[in-house]
């Protein structure tokens, strides 16, 4: 069963292992998002998805999911509202 988190600022989504399933972009104004395998937002932790500049109304589904070990941390720059889907 998947979980979700609607965010519009840099956030810790989950601490501990899991997998990133996808995201739905509600709105953006040149916003970017980067996902890290991190429990505390340390940008030297492994990058799950490098800086992405999505369009409003777009959605991304990762059919098998992307596994992370330490946690799921999302860094948002500029203006971006997104729902993250994860397990």
PDB file of N, CA and C in Angstrom:
ATOM      1  N   UNK A   1       0.843  -1.171   0.000  1.00  0.00           N
ATOM      2  CA  UNK A   1       0.000   0.000   0.000  1.00  0.00           C
ATOM      3  C   UNK A   1       0.892   1.239   0.000  1.00  0.00           C
ATOM      4  N   UNK A   2       0.583   2.192  -0.834  1.00  0.00           N
ATOM      5  CA  UNK A   2       1.376   3.412  -0.958  1.00  0.00           C
ATOM      6  C   UNK A   2       0.918   4.489   0.013  1.00  0.00           C
ATOM      7  N   UNK A   3       1.847   5.361   0.346  1.00  0.00           N
ATOM      8  CA  UNK A   3       1.579   6.546   1.161  1.00  0.00           C
ATOM      9  C   UNK A   3       1.799   7.762   0.291  1.00  0.00           C
ATOM     10  N   UNK A   4       1.400   8.936   0.783  1.00  0.00           N
ATOM     11  CA  UNK A   4       1.605  10.154   0.022  1.00  0.00           C
ATOM     12  C   UNK A   4       1.889  11.314   0.962  1.00  0.00           C
ATOM     13  N   UNK A   5       2.519  12.323   0.398  1.00  0.00           N
ATOM     14  CA  UNK A   5       2.799  13.547   1.144  1.00  0.00           C
ATOM     15  C   UNK A   5       2.726  14.712   0.170  1.00  0.00           C
ATOM     16  N   UNK A   6       1.848  15.669   0.431  1.00  0.00           N
ATOM     17  CA  UNK A   6       1.725  16.869  -0.395  1.00  0.00           C
ATOM     18  C   UNK A   6       2.614  17.950   0.219  1.00  0.00           C
ATOM     19  N   UNK A   7       3.572  18.452  -0.569  1.00  0.00           N
ATOM     20  CA  UNK A   7       4.532  19.432  -0.052  1.00  0.00           C
ATOM     21  C   UNK A   7       4.686  20.606  -1.023  1.00  0.00           C
ATOM     22  N   UNK A   8       5.154  21.719  -0.498  1.00  0.00           N
ATOM     23  CA  UNK A   8       5.475  22.875  -1.336  1.00  0.00           C
ATOM     24  C   UNK A   8       6.772  23.534  -0.864  1.00  0.00           C
ATOM     25  N   UNK A   9       7.498  22.840  -0.004  1.00  0.00           N
ATOM     26  CA  UNK A   9       8.790  23.316   0.496  1.00  0.00           C
ATOM     27  C   UNK A   9       9.666  22.103   0.771  1.00  0.00           C
ATOM     28  N   UNK A  10      10.948  22.322   0.920  1.00  0.00           N
ATOM     29  CA  UNK A  10      11.885  21.253   1.237  1.00  0.00           C
ATOM     30  C   UNK A  10      11.385  20.485   2.461  1.00  0.00           C
ATOM     31  N   UNK A  11      11.355  19.140   2.356  1.00  0.00           N
ATOM     32  CA  UNK A  11      10.756  18.328   3.420  1.00  0.00           C
ATOM     33  C   UNK A  11      11.386  16.948   3.534  1.00  0.00           C
ATOM     34  N   UNK A  12      11.393  16.438   4.761  1.00  0.00           N
ATOM     35  CA  UNK A  12      11.710  15.032   5.000  1.00  0.00           C
ATOM     36  C   UNK A  12      10.410  14.281   4.766  1.00  0.00           C
ATOM     37  N   UNK A  13      10.377  13.395   3.799  1.00  0.00           N
ATOM     38  CA  UNK A  13       9.157  12.661   3.474  1.00  0.00           C
ATOM     39  C   UNK A  13       9.048  11.406   4.344  1.00  0.00           C
ATOM     40  N   UNK A  14      10.156  10.678   4.477  1.00  0.00           N
ATOM     41  CA  UNK A  14      10.152   9.436   5.255  1.00  0.00           C
ATOM     42  C   UNK A  14      11.548   9.185   5.809  1.00  0.00           C
ATOM     43  N   UNK A  15      11.624   8.696   7.022  1.00  0.00           N
ATOM     44  CA  UNK A  15      12.898   8.277   7.614  1.00  0.00           C
ATOM     45  C   UNK A  15      12.946   6.756   7.550  1.00  0.00           C
ATOM     46  N   UNK A  16      14.086   6.210   7.152  1.00  0.00           N
ATOM     47  CA  UNK A  16      14.235   4.767   7.023  1.00  0.00           C
ATOM     48  C   UNK A  16      14.009   4.318   5.594  1.00  0.00           C
ATOM     49  N   UNK A  17      14.152   3.019   5.386  1.00  0.00           N
ATOM     50  CA  UNK A  17      14.035   2.455   4.050  1.00  0.00           C
ATOM     51  C   UNK A  17      12.636   2.513   3.471  1.00  0.00           C
ATOM     52  N   UNK A  18      12.580   2.490   2.155  1.00  0.00           N
ATOM     53  CA  UNK A  18      11.306   2.504   1.443  1.00  0.00           C
ATOM     54  C   UNK A  18      11.556   2.621  -0.041  1.00  0.00           C
ATOM     55  N   UNK A  19      10.525   3.025  -0.783  1.00  0.00           N
ATOM     56  CA  UNK A  19      10.737   3.254  -2.204  1.00  0.00           C
ATOM     57  C   UNK A  19       9.855   4.389  -2.697  1.00  0.00           C
ATOM     58  N   UNK A  20      10.433   5.154  -3.595  1.00  0.00           N
ATOM     59  CA  UNK A  20       9.751   6.267  -4.246  1.00  0.00           C
ATOM     60  C   UNK A  20       8.964   5.701  -5.416  1.00  0.00           C
ATOM     61  N   UNK A  21       7.666   5.949  -5.433  1.00  0.00           N
ATOM     62  CA  UNK A  21       6.787   5.417  -6.466  1.00  0.00           C
ATOM     63  C   UNK A  21       6.533   6.450  -7.570  1.00  0.00           C
ATOM     64  N   UNK A  22       6.399   7.717  -7.195  1.00  0.00           N
ATOM     65  CA  UNK A  22       6.136   8.736  -8.205  1.00  0.00           C
ATOM     66  C   UNK A  22       5.770  10.064  -7.581  1.00  0.00           C
ATOM     67  N   UNK A  23       5.332  10.991  -8.446  1.00  0.00           N
ATOM     68  CA  UNK A  23       4.895  12.304  -7.965  1.00  0.00           C
ATOM     69  C   UNK A  23       3.927  12.925  -8.944  1.00  0.00           C
ATOM     70  N   UNK A  24       3.094  13.809  -8.409  1.00  0.00           N
ATOM     71  CA  UNK A  24       2.109  14.552  -9.186  1.00  0.00           C
ATOM     72  C   UNK A  24       2.354  16.027  -8.905  1.00  0.00           C
ATOM     73  N   UNK A  25       2.577  16.808  -9.954  1.00  0.00           N
ATOM     74  CA  UNK A  25       2.886  18.225  -9.810  1.00  0.00           C
ATOM     75  C   UNK A  25       1.596  19.026  -9.942  1.00  0.00           C
ATOM     76  N   UNK A  26       1.192  19.685  -8.858  1.00  0.00           N
ATOM     77  CA  UNK A  26      -0.041  20.478  -8.861  1.00  0.00           C
ATOM     78  C   UNK A  26       0.172  21.837  -9.501  1.00  0.00           C
ATOM     79  N   UNK A  27       1.266  22.500  -9.122  1.00  0.00           N
ATOM     80  CA  UNK A  27       1.565  23.825  -9.682  1.00  0.00           C
ATOM     81  C   UNK A  27       3.048  24.108  -9.551  1.00  0.00           C
ATOM     82  N   UNK A  28       3.531  24.985 -10.416  1.00  0.00           N
ATOM     83  CA  UNK A  28       4.929  25.373 -10.359  1.00  0.00           C
ATOM     84  C   UNK A  28       5.144  26.681 -11.106  1.00  0.00           C
ATOM     85  N   UNK A  29       6.176  27.374 -10.699  1.00  0.00           N
ATOM     86  CA  UNK A  29       6.640  28.574 -11.389  1.00  0.00           C
ATOM     87  C   UNK A  29       8.164  28.454 -11.440  1.00  0.00           C
ATOM     88  N   UNK A  30       8.648  27.761 -12.443  1.00  0.00           N
ATOM     89  CA  UNK A  30      10.076  27.456 -12.609  1.00  0.00           C
ATOM     90  C   UNK A  30      10.661  26.728 -11.397  1.00  0.00           C
ATOM     91  N   UNK A  31       9.854  25.976 -10.707  1.00  0.00           N
ATOM     92  CA  UNK A  31      10.328  25.233  -9.535  1.00  0.00           C
ATOM     93  C   UNK A  31      11.107  23.988  -9.929  1.00  0.00           C
ATOM     94  N   UNK A  32      11.988  23.573  -9.027  1.00  0.00           N
ATOM     95  CA  UNK A  32      12.750  22.332  -9.221  1.00  0.00           C
ATOM     96  C   UNK A  32      12.641  21.470  -7.976  1.00  0.00           C
ATOM     97  N   UNK A  33      12.900  20.184  -8.163  1.00  0.00           N
ATOM     98  CA  UNK A  33      12.888  19.254  -7.044  1.00  0.00           C
ATOM     99  C   UNK A  33      14.039  18.264  -7.215  1.00  0.00           C
ATOM    100  N   UNK A  34      14.686  17.939  -6.102  1.00  0.00           N
ATOM    101  CA  UNK A  34      15.753  16.950  -6.058  1.00  0.00           C
ATOM    102  C   UNK A  34      15.447  15.999  -4.909  1.00  0.00           C
ATOM    103  N   UNK A  35      15.593  14.705  -5.154  1.00  0.00           N
ATOM    104  CA  UNK A  35      15.345  13.710  -4.118  1.00  0.00           C
ATOM    105  C   UNK A  35      16.667  13.107  -3.648  1.00  0.00           C
ATOM    106  N   UNK A  36      16.815  12.988  -2.322  1.00  0.00           N
ATOM    107  CA  UNK A  36      18.002  12.404  -1.710  1.00  0.00           C
ATOM    108  C   UNK A  36      17.627  11.187  -0.873  1.00  0.00           C
ATOM    109  N   UNK A  37      18.550  10.240  -0.783  1.00  0.00           N
ATOM    110  CA  UNK A  37      18.443   9.120   0.145  1.00  0.00           C
ATOM    111  C   UNK A  37      19.086   9.617   1.439  1.00  0.00           C
ATOM    112  N   UNK A  38      18.290  10.294   2.269  1.00  0.00           N
ATOM    113  CA  UNK A  38      18.830  10.986   3.434  1.00  0.00           C
ATOM    114  C   UNK A  38      17.825  10.995   4.574  1.00  0.00           C
ATOM    115  N   UNK A  39      18.336  10.895   5.789  1.00  0.00           N
ATOM    116  CA  UNK A  39      17.477  10.984   6.974  1.00  0.00           C
ATOM    117  C   UNK A  39      17.489  12.377   7.577  1.00  0.00           C
ATOM    118  N   UNK A  40      18.355  13.256   7.071  1.00  0.00           N
ATOM    119  CA  UNK A  40      18.473  14.589   7.671  1.00  0.00           C
ATOM    120  C   UNK A  40      18.728  15.717   6.664  1.00  0.00           C
ATOM    121  N   UNK A  41      18.605  15.432   5.384  1.00  0.00           N
ATOM    122  CA  UNK A  41      18.770  16.473   4.374  1.00  0.00           C
ATOM    123  C   UNK A  41      20.199  16.795   4.014  1.00  0.00           C
ATOM    124  N   UNK A  42      21.122  15.944   4.384  1.00  0.00           N
ATOM    125  CA  UNK A  42      22.526  16.164   4.067  1.00  0.00           C
ATOM    126  C   UNK A  42      22.731  16.001   2.555  1.00  0.00           C
ATOM    127  N   UNK A  43      23.171  17.076   1.884  1.00  0.00           N
ATOM    128  CA  UNK A  43      23.296  17.010   0.431  1.00  0.00           C
ATOM    129  C   UNK A  43      24.512  16.218  -0.044  1.00  0.00           C
ATOM    130  N   UNK A  44      25.274  15.630   0.890  1.00  0.00           N
ATOM    131  CA  UNK A  44      26.344  14.713   0.486  1.00  0.00           C
ATOM    132  C   UNK A  44      25.840  13.264   0.475  1.00  0.00           C
ATOM    133  N   UNK A  45      24.586  13.055   0.896  1.00  0.00           N
ATOM    134  CA  UNK A  45      23.973  11.728   0.804  1.00  0.00           C
ATOM    135  C   UNK A  45      23.649  11.431  -0.668  1.00  0.00           C
ATOM    136  N   UNK A  46      23.413  10.160  -0.997  1.00  0.00           N
ATOM    137  CA  UNK A  46      23.142   9.795  -2.394  1.00  0.00           C
ATOM    138  C   UNK A  46      21.907  10.501  -2.963  1.00  0.00           C
ATOM    139  N   UNK A  47      22.034  10.920  -4.213  1.00  0.00           N
ATOM    140  CA  UNK A  47      20.920  11.536  -4.935  1.00  0.00           C
ATOM    141  C   UNK A  47      20.096  10.414  -5.556  1.00  0.00           C
ATOM    142  N   UNK A  48      18.787  10.443  -5.319  1.00  0.00           N
ATOM    143  CA  UNK A  48      17.889   9.466  -5.935  1.00  0.00           C
ATOM    144  C   UNK A  48      17.486   9.959  -7.321  1.00  0.00           C
ATOM    145  N   UNK A  49      17.034  11.210  -7.388  1.00  0.00           N
ATOM    146  CA  UNK A  49      16.716  11.867  -8.659  1.00  0.00           C
ATOM    147  C   UNK A  49      17.361  13.239  -8.617  1.00  0.00           C
ATOM    148  N   UNK A  50      18.236  13.513  -9.595  1.00  0.00           N
ATOM    149  CA  UNK A  50      18.907  14.808  -9.665  1.00  0.00           C
ATOM    150  C   UNK A  50      17.888  15.896  -9.999  1.00  0.00           C
ATOM    151  N   UNK A  51      18.304  17.120  -9.924  1.00  0.00           N
ATOM    152  CA  UNK A  51      17.412  18.271 -10.094  1.00  0.00           C
ATOM    153  C   UNK A  51      16.519  18.104 -11.322  1.00  0.00           C
ATOM    154  N   UNK A  52      15.214  18.153 -11.061  1.00  0.00           N
ATOM    155  CA  UNK A  52      14.187  17.974 -12.080  1.00  0.00           C
ATOM    156  C   UNK A  52      13.345  19.242 -12.131  1.00  0.00           C
ATOM    157  N   UNK A  53      13.035  19.723 -13.320  1.00  0.00           N
ATOM    158  CA  UNK A  53      12.183  20.903 -13.499  1.00  0.00           C
ATOM    159  C   UNK A  53      10.887  20.446 -14.176  1.00  0.00           C
ATOM    160  N   UNK A  54       9.910  20.016 -13.376  1.00  0.00           N
ATOM    161  CA  UNK A  54       8.673  19.478 -13.962  1.00  0.00           C
ATOM    162  C   UNK A  54       7.700  20.586 -14.351  1.00  0.00           C
ATOM    163  N   UNK A  55       6.782  20.252 -15.237  1.00  0.00           N
ATOM    164  CA  UNK A  55       5.716  21.170 -15.636  1.00  0.00           C
ATOM    165  C   UNK A  55       4.490  20.951 -14.755  1.00  0.00           C
ATOM    166  N   UNK A  56       3.725  22.007 -14.540  1.00  0.00           N
ATOM    167  CA  UNK A  56       2.479  21.891 -13.774  1.00  0.00           C
ATOM    168  C   UNK A  56       1.546  20.913 -14.476  1.00  0.00           C
ATOM    169  N   UNK A  57       0.892  20.084 -13.700  1.00  0.00           N
ATOM    170  CA  UNK A  57      -0.042  19.115 -14.242  1.00  0.00           C
ATOM    171  C   UNK A  57       0.613  17.816 -14.682  1.00  0.00           C
ATOM    172  N   UNK A  58       1.933  17.731 -14.564  1.00  0.00           N
ATOM    173  CA  UNK A  58       2.610  16.498 -14.973  1.00  0.00           C
ATOM    174  C   UNK A  58       2.625  15.496 -13.821  1.00  0.00           C
ATOM    175  N   UNK A  59       2.780  14.249 -14.187  1.00  0.00           N
ATOM    176  CA  UNK A  59       2.912  13.201 -13.176  1.00  0.00           C
ATOM    177  C   UNK A  59       3.980  12.228 -13.635  1.00  0.00           C
ATOM    178  N   UNK A  60       4.645  11.629 -12.670  1.00  0.00           N
ATOM    179  CA  UNK A  60       5.728  10.698 -12.932  1.00  0.00           C
ATOM    180  C   UNK A  60       5.464   9.433 -12.133  1.00  0.00           C
ATOM    181  N   UNK A  61       5.457   8.300 -12.791  1.00  0.00           N
ATOM    182  CA  UNK A  61       5.251   7.016 -12.149  1.00  0.00           C
ATOM    183  C   UNK A  61       6.479   6.156 -12.398  1.00  0.00           C
ATOM    184  N   UNK A  62       7.040   5.620 -11.340  1.00  0.00           N
ATOM    185  CA  UNK A  62       8.198   4.739 -11.446  1.00  0.00           C
ATOM    186  C   UNK A  62       7.665   3.336 -11.156  1.00  0.00           C
ATOM    187  N   UNK A  63       7.419   2.575 -12.206  1.00  0.00           N
ATOM    188  CA  UNK A  63       6.662   1.328 -12.077  1.00  0.00           C
ATOM    189  C   UNK A  63       7.201   0.367 -11.021  1.00  0.00           C
ATOM    190  N   UNK A  64       8.486   0.182 -10.931  1.00  0.00           N
ATOM    191  CA  UNK A  64       9.032  -0.725  -9.922  1.00  0.00           C
ATOM    192  C   UNK A  64       9.452   0.010  -8.659  1.00  0.00           C
ATOM    193  N   UNK A  65       9.457   1.330  -8.700  1.00  0.00           N
ATOM    194  CA  UNK A  65       9.872   2.133  -7.559  1.00  0.00           C
ATOM    195  C   UNK A  65      11.393   2.253  -7.487  1.00  0.00           C
ATOM    196  N   UNK A  66      11.850   3.296  -6.825  1.00  0.00           N
ATOM    197  CA  UNK A  66      13.273   3.511  -6.590  1.00  0.00           C
ATOM    198  C   UNK A  66      13.518   3.360  -5.092  1.00  0.00           C
ATOM    199  N   UNK A  67      14.305   2.377  -4.707  1.00  0.00           N
ATOM    200  CA  UNK A  67      14.543   2.098  -3.300  1.00  0.00           C
ATOM    201  C   UNK A  67      15.498   3.112  -2.676  1.00  0.00           C
ATOM    202  N   UNK A  68      15.247   3.442  -1.415  1.00  0.00           N
ATOM    203  CA  UNK A  68      16.155   4.269  -0.623  1.00  0.00           C
ATOM    204  C   UNK A  68      16.355   3.590   0.721  1.00  0.00           C
ATOM    205  N   UNK A  69      17.482   3.867   1.377  1.00  0.00           N
ATOM    206  CA  UNK A  69      17.821   3.199   2.627  1.00  0.00           C
ATOM    207  C   UNK A  69      17.697   4.090   3.848  1.00  0.00           C
ATOM    208  N   UNK A  70      18.273   5.280   3.796  1.00  0.00           N
ATOM    209  CA  UNK A  70      18.300   6.178   4.961  1.00  0.00           C
ATOM    210  C   UNK A  70      16.987   6.920   5.154  1.00  0.00           C
ATOM    211  N   UNK A  71      16.369   7.336   4.059  1.00  0.00           N
ATOM    212  CA  UNK A  71      15.141   8.111   4.120  1.00  0.00           C
ATOM    213  C   UNK A  71      14.900   8.795   2.793  1.00  0.00           C
ATOM    214  N   UNK A  72      13.760   9.410   2.666  1.00  0.00           N
ATOM    215  CA  UNK A  72      13.398  10.137   1.447  1.00  0.00           C
ATOM    216  C   UNK A  72      13.288  11.610   1.798  1.00  0.00           C
ATOM    217  N   UNK A  73      14.145  12.413   1.176  1.00  0.00           N
ATOM    218  CA  UNK A  73      14.227  13.842   1.457  1.00  0.00           C
ATOM    219  C   UNK A  73      14.096  14.585   0.138  1.00  0.00           C
ATOM    220  N   UNK A  74      13.183  15.557   0.064  1.00  0.00           N
ATOM    221  CA  UNK A  74      12.948  16.325  -1.157  1.00  0.00           C
ATOM    222  C   UNK A  74      13.360  17.773  -0.946  1.00  0.00           C
ATOM    223  N   UNK A  75      14.182  18.275  -1.862  1.00  0.00           N
ATOM    224  CA  UNK A  75      14.604  19.675  -1.831  1.00  0.00           C
ATOM    225  C   UNK A  75      13.889  20.406  -2.961  1.00  0.00           C
ATOM    226  N   UNK A  76      13.102  21.414  -2.584  1.00  0.00           N
ATOM    227  CA  UNK A  76      12.358  22.218  -3.554  1.00  0.00           C
ATOM    228  C   UNK A  76      12.976  23.603  -3.624  1.00  0.00           C
ATOM    229  N   UNK A  77      13.204  24.066  -4.852  1.00  0.00           N
ATOM    230  CA  UNK A  77      13.671  25.430  -5.084  1.00  0.00           C
ATOM    231  C   UNK A  77      12.604  26.167  -5.888  1.00  0.00           C
ATOM    232  N   UNK A  78      12.501  27.460  -5.654  1.00  0.00           N
ATOM    233  CA  UNK A  78      11.480  28.303  -6.297  1.00  0.00           C
ATOM    234  C   UNK A  78      10.094  27.861  -5.819  1.00  0.00           C
ATOM    235  N   UNK A  79       9.099  27.879  -6.702  1.00  0.00           N
ATOM    236  CA  UNK A  79       7.716  27.574  -6.319  1.00  0.00           C
ATOM    237  C   UNK A  79       7.283  26.269  -6.968  1.00  0.00           C
ATOM    238  N   UNK A  80       6.922  25.314  -6.129  1.00  0.00           N
ATOM    239  CA  UNK A  80       6.504  24.008  -6.627  1.00  0.00           C
ATOM    240  C   UNK A  80       5.601  23.350  -5.592  1.00  0.00           C
ATOM    241  N   UNK A  81       4.430  22.916  -5.999  1.00  0.00           N
ATOM    242  CA  UNK A  81       3.527  22.140  -5.144  1.00  0.00           C
ATOM    243  C   UNK A  81       3.411  20.756  -5.768  1.00  0.00           C
ATOM    244  N   UNK A  82       3.713  19.731  -4.970  1.00  0.00           N
ATOM    245  CA  UNK A  82       3.799  18.376  -5.514  1.00  0.00           C
ATOM    246  C   UNK A  82       3.308  17.365  -4.468  1.00  0.00           C
ATOM    247  N   UNK A  83       2.736  16.291  -4.935  1.00  0.00           N
ATOM    248  CA  UNK A  83       2.373  15.172  -4.066  1.00  0.00           C
ATOM    249  C   UNK A  83       3.321  14.030  -4.370  1.00  0.00           C
ATOM    250  N   UNK A  84       4.031  13.575  -3.341  1.00  0.00           N
ATOM    251  CA  UNK A  84       4.991  12.493  -3.464  1.00  0.00           C
ATOM    252  C   UNK A  84       4.319  11.190  -3.059  1.00  0.00           C
ATOM    253  N   UNK A  85       4.468  10.155  -3.868  1.00  0.00           N
ATOM    254  CA  UNK A  85       3.895   8.843  -3.572  1.00  0.00           C
ATOM    255  C   UNK A  85       5.054   7.893  -3.265  1.00  0.00           C
ATOM    256  N   UNK A  86       4.957   7.194  -2.134  1.00  0.00           N
ATOM    257  CA  UNK A  86       6.056   6.340  -1.677  1.00  0.00           C
ATOM    258  C   UNK A  86       5.538   5.172  -0.849  1.00  0.00           C
ATOM    259  N   UNK A  87       6.397   4.230  -0.611  1.00  0.00           N
ATOM    260  CA  UNK A  87       6.083   3.107   0.282  1.00  0.00           C
ATOM    261  C   UNK A  87       7.115   3.069   1.381  1.00  0.00           C
TER     262      UNK A  87
END
